[in-house]
Amino acid sequence: GGQHGHEGVTLKQIDEPDEVELIQIDRRTLPRGNYEEAGVERRQVFDIQICRWVTEYQAEILIDKTSGNRYVAPFPDEVSKAVQYGKQLKAHAPPLCQNSCRSIN
């Protein structure tokens, strides 16, 4: 499905997949006989699993007992809202969405 003239690349199987599912033959569907195991045929599906990671920033608040002035520790510049998406999620969103997601800001 690549663009015309683009040299394609084929995925190659890896030696240590994260999960292996053995699919066995339903022996009831075989004709009568004396069978021996002859190995397996391997196919692999490459996918991605993303887990949520939430970092909570807690800014210390101090109140001057004399003046009553309130002081709040500054949050990092990139933490500007009470809840927001992080830079890692923003970096992965465009390729994953392929124009079907709303803009993530």
C-alpha atoms as a PDB file:
ATOM      1  CA  GLY A   1       0.000   0.000   0.000  1.00  0.00           C
ATOM      2  CA  GLY A   2       2.948   2.409  -0.361  1.00  0.00           C
ATOM      3  CA  GLN A   3       3.300   5.231  -2.824  1.00  0.00           C
ATOM      4  CA  HIS A   4       4.277   4.454  -6.421  1.00  0.00           C
ATOM      5  CA  GLY A   5       8.052   4.234  -6.738  1.00  0.00           C
ATOM      6  CA  HIS A   6       8.579   3.787  -2.990  1.00  0.00           C
ATOM      7  CA  GLU A   7      10.810   0.836  -2.161  1.00  0.00           C
ATOM      8  CA  GLY A   8       8.909  -1.326   0.327  1.00  0.00           C
ATOM      9  CA  VAL A   9      10.196  -2.998   3.428  1.00  0.00           C
ATOM     10  CA  THR A  10       8.876  -6.336   4.687  1.00  0.00           C
ATOM     11  CA  LEU A  11       8.502  -7.024   8.400  1.00  0.00           C
ATOM     12  CA  LYS A  12      10.695  -9.825   9.674  1.00  0.00           C
ATOM     13  CA  GLN A  13       9.749 -12.237  12.434  1.00  0.00           C
ATOM     14  CA  ILE A  14      11.546 -11.880  15.745  1.00  0.00           C
ATOM     15  CA  ASP A  15      12.952 -14.707  17.859  1.00  0.00           C
ATOM     16  CA  GLU A  16      11.367 -13.686  21.181  1.00  0.00           C
ATOM     17  CA  PRO A  17       7.762 -12.470  20.824  1.00  0.00           C
ATOM     18  CA  ASP A  18       6.059 -10.967  23.889  1.00  0.00           C
ATOM     19  CA  GLU A  19       3.229 -13.490  23.766  1.00  0.00           C
ATOM     20  CA  VAL A  20       2.755 -16.861  22.097  1.00  0.00           C
ATOM     21  CA  GLU A  21      -0.660 -18.373  21.431  1.00  0.00           C
ATOM     22  CA  LEU A  22      -0.608 -22.025  20.481  1.00  0.00           C
ATOM     23  CA  ILE A  23      -3.432 -22.978  18.119  1.00  0.00           C
ATOM     24  CA  GLN A  24      -4.112 -26.678  18.281  1.00  0.00           C
ATOM     25  CA  ILE A  25      -5.830 -28.815  15.680  1.00  0.00           C
ATOM     26  CA  ASP A  26      -9.221 -30.123  16.721  1.00  0.00           C
ATOM     27  CA  ARG A  27      -8.307 -33.774  16.352  1.00  0.00           C
ATOM     28  CA  ARG A  28     -11.986 -34.698  16.099  1.00  0.00           C
ATOM     29  CA  THR A  29     -11.975 -33.111  12.627  1.00  0.00           C
ATOM     30  CA  LEU A  30      -9.176 -35.359  11.317  1.00  0.00           C
ATOM     31  CA  PRO A  31      -9.710 -38.679   9.586  1.00  0.00           C
ATOM     32  CA  ARG A  32      -8.727 -41.746  11.580  1.00  0.00           C
ATOM     33  CA  GLY A  33      -4.988 -42.215  11.602  1.00  0.00           C
ATOM     34  CA  ASN A  34      -1.775 -42.333  13.613  1.00  0.00           C
ATOM     35  CA  TYR A  35      -0.377 -38.780  13.805  1.00  0.00           C
ATOM     36  CA  GLU A  36       2.878 -37.363  15.116  1.00  0.00           C
ATOM     37  CA  GLU A  37       3.662 -33.740  15.842  1.00  0.00           C
ATOM     38  CA  ALA A  38       5.721 -32.108  13.101  1.00  0.00           C
ATOM     39  CA  GLY A  39       6.272 -28.637  14.531  1.00  0.00           C
ATOM     40  CA  VAL A  40       4.377 -25.393  14.072  1.00  0.00           C
ATOM     41  CA  GLU A  41       3.811 -22.769  11.420  1.00  0.00           C
ATOM     42  CA  ARG A  42       4.583 -19.313  12.854  1.00  0.00           C
ATOM     43  CA  ARG A  43       2.903 -16.013  12.069  1.00  0.00           C
ATOM     44  CA  GLN A  44       3.489 -12.815  14.038  1.00  0.00           C
ATOM     45  CA  VAL A  45       1.381  -9.707  14.492  1.00  0.00           C
ATOM     46  CA  PHE A  46       3.207  -6.516  15.452  1.00  0.00           C
ATOM     47  CA  ASP A  47       1.085  -4.150  17.506  1.00  0.00           C
ATOM     48  CA  ILE A  48       1.545  -1.477  20.127  1.00  0.00           C
ATOM     49  CA  GLN A  49       0.254  -1.265  23.676  1.00  0.00           C
ATOM     50  CA  ILE A  50       0.053   2.126  25.290  1.00  0.00           C
ATOM     51  CA  CYS A  51      -0.539   2.596  28.975  1.00  0.00           C
ATOM     52  CA  ARG A  52      -1.573   5.795  30.698  1.00  0.00           C
ATOM     53  CA  TRP A  53       0.985   7.527  32.918  1.00  0.00           C
ATOM     54  CA  VAL A  54      -0.212  10.493  34.979  1.00  0.00           C
ATOM     55  CA  THR A  55       2.215  12.785  36.766  1.00  0.00           C
ATOM     56  CA  GLU A  56       0.689  15.080  39.353  1.00  0.00           C
ATOM     57  CA  TYR A  57       2.562  18.248  40.162  1.00  0.00           C
ATOM     58  CA  GLN A  58       1.899  19.671  43.625  1.00  0.00           C
ATOM     59  CA  ALA A  59       3.009  23.265  44.155  1.00  0.00           C
ATOM     60  CA  GLU A  60       3.686  24.176  47.759  1.00  0.00           C
ATOM     61  CA  ILE A  61       1.683  27.087  49.172  1.00  0.00           C
ATOM     62  CA  LEU A  62       2.959  29.291  51.993  1.00  0.00           C
ATOM     63  CA  ILE A  63       1.060  32.040  53.797  1.00  0.00           C
ATOM     64  CA  ASP A  64       2.888  34.797  55.635  1.00  0.00           C
ATOM     65  CA  LYS A  65       1.403  34.819  59.134  1.00  0.00           C
ATOM     66  CA  THR A  66       2.166  38.498  59.522  1.00  0.00           C
ATOM     67  CA  SER A  67       0.946  39.961  56.232  1.00  0.00           C
ATOM     68  CA  GLY A  68      -1.399  37.195  55.098  1.00  0.00           C
ATOM     69  CA  ASN A  69       0.302  37.154  51.676  1.00  0.00           C
ATOM     70  CA  ARG A  70       0.014  33.854  49.834  1.00  0.00           C
ATOM     71  CA  TYR A  71       2.956  32.386  47.893  1.00  0.00           C
ATOM     72  CA  VAL A  72       2.703  29.441  45.481  1.00  0.00           C
ATOM     73  CA  ALA A  73       5.714  27.556  44.109  1.00  0.00           C
ATOM     74  CA  PRO A  74       5.919  27.934  40.310  1.00  0.00           C
ATOM     75  CA  PHE A  75       4.942  24.974  38.147  1.00  0.00           C
ATOM     76  CA  PRO A  76       7.273  23.970  35.279  1.00  0.00           C
ATOM     77  CA  ASP A  77       6.637  26.125  32.180  1.00  0.00           C
ATOM     78  CA  GLU A  78       5.114  23.197  30.251  1.00  0.00           C
ATOM     79  CA  VAL A  79       2.538  22.565  33.028  1.00  0.00           C
ATOM     80  CA  SER A  80       0.076  25.377  32.362  1.00  0.00           C
ATOM     81  CA  LYS A  81      -3.351  23.798  33.036  1.00  0.00           C
ATOM     82  CA  ALA A  82      -5.028  21.797  35.806  1.00  0.00           C
ATOM     83  CA  VAL A  83      -5.228  18.791  33.437  1.00  0.00           C
ATOM     84  CA  GLN A  84      -3.435  18.447  30.110  1.00  0.00           C
ATOM     85  CA  TYR A  85      -1.791  16.020  27.711  1.00  0.00           C
ATOM     86  CA  GLY A  86       1.956  15.501  28.060  1.00  0.00           C
ATOM     87  CA  LYS A  87       4.612  15.933  25.406  1.00  0.00           C
ATOM     88  CA  GLN A  88       5.049  12.168  24.892  1.00  0.00           C
ATOM     89  CA  LEU A  89       1.339  11.665  24.160  1.00  0.00           C
ATOM     90  CA  LYS A  90       1.308  14.677  21.843  1.00  0.00           C
ATOM     91  CA  ALA A  91       4.326  13.289  19.990  1.00  0.00           C
ATOM     92  CA  HIS A  92       2.574   9.952  19.358  1.00  0.00           C
ATOM     93  CA  ALA A  93      -0.949  11.224  18.657  1.00  0.00           C
ATOM     94  CA  PRO A  94      -0.534  12.465  15.041  1.00  0.00           C
ATOM     95  CA  PRO A  95       0.851   9.189  13.636  1.00  0.00           C
ATOM     96  CA  LEU A  96      -1.737   7.146  15.533  1.00  0.00           C
ATOM     97  CA  CYS A  97      -4.703   9.302  14.561  1.00  0.00           C
ATOM     98  CA  GLN A  98      -3.934   9.678  10.846  1.00  0.00           C
ATOM     99  CA  ASN A  99      -6.273  12.673  10.543  1.00  0.00           C
ATOM    100  CA  SER A 100      -9.192  10.983  12.323  1.00  0.00           C
ATOM    101  CA  CYS A 101      -8.548  12.571  15.739  1.00  0.00           C
ATOM    102  CA  ARG A 102      -9.252  16.080  16.854  1.00  0.00           C
ATOM    103  CA  SER A 103      -6.235  18.256  17.445  1.00  0.00           C
ATOM    104  CA  ILE A 104      -4.558  17.459  20.777  1.00  0.00           C
ATOM    105  CA  ASN A 105      -3.399  20.644  22.484  1.00  0.00           C
END
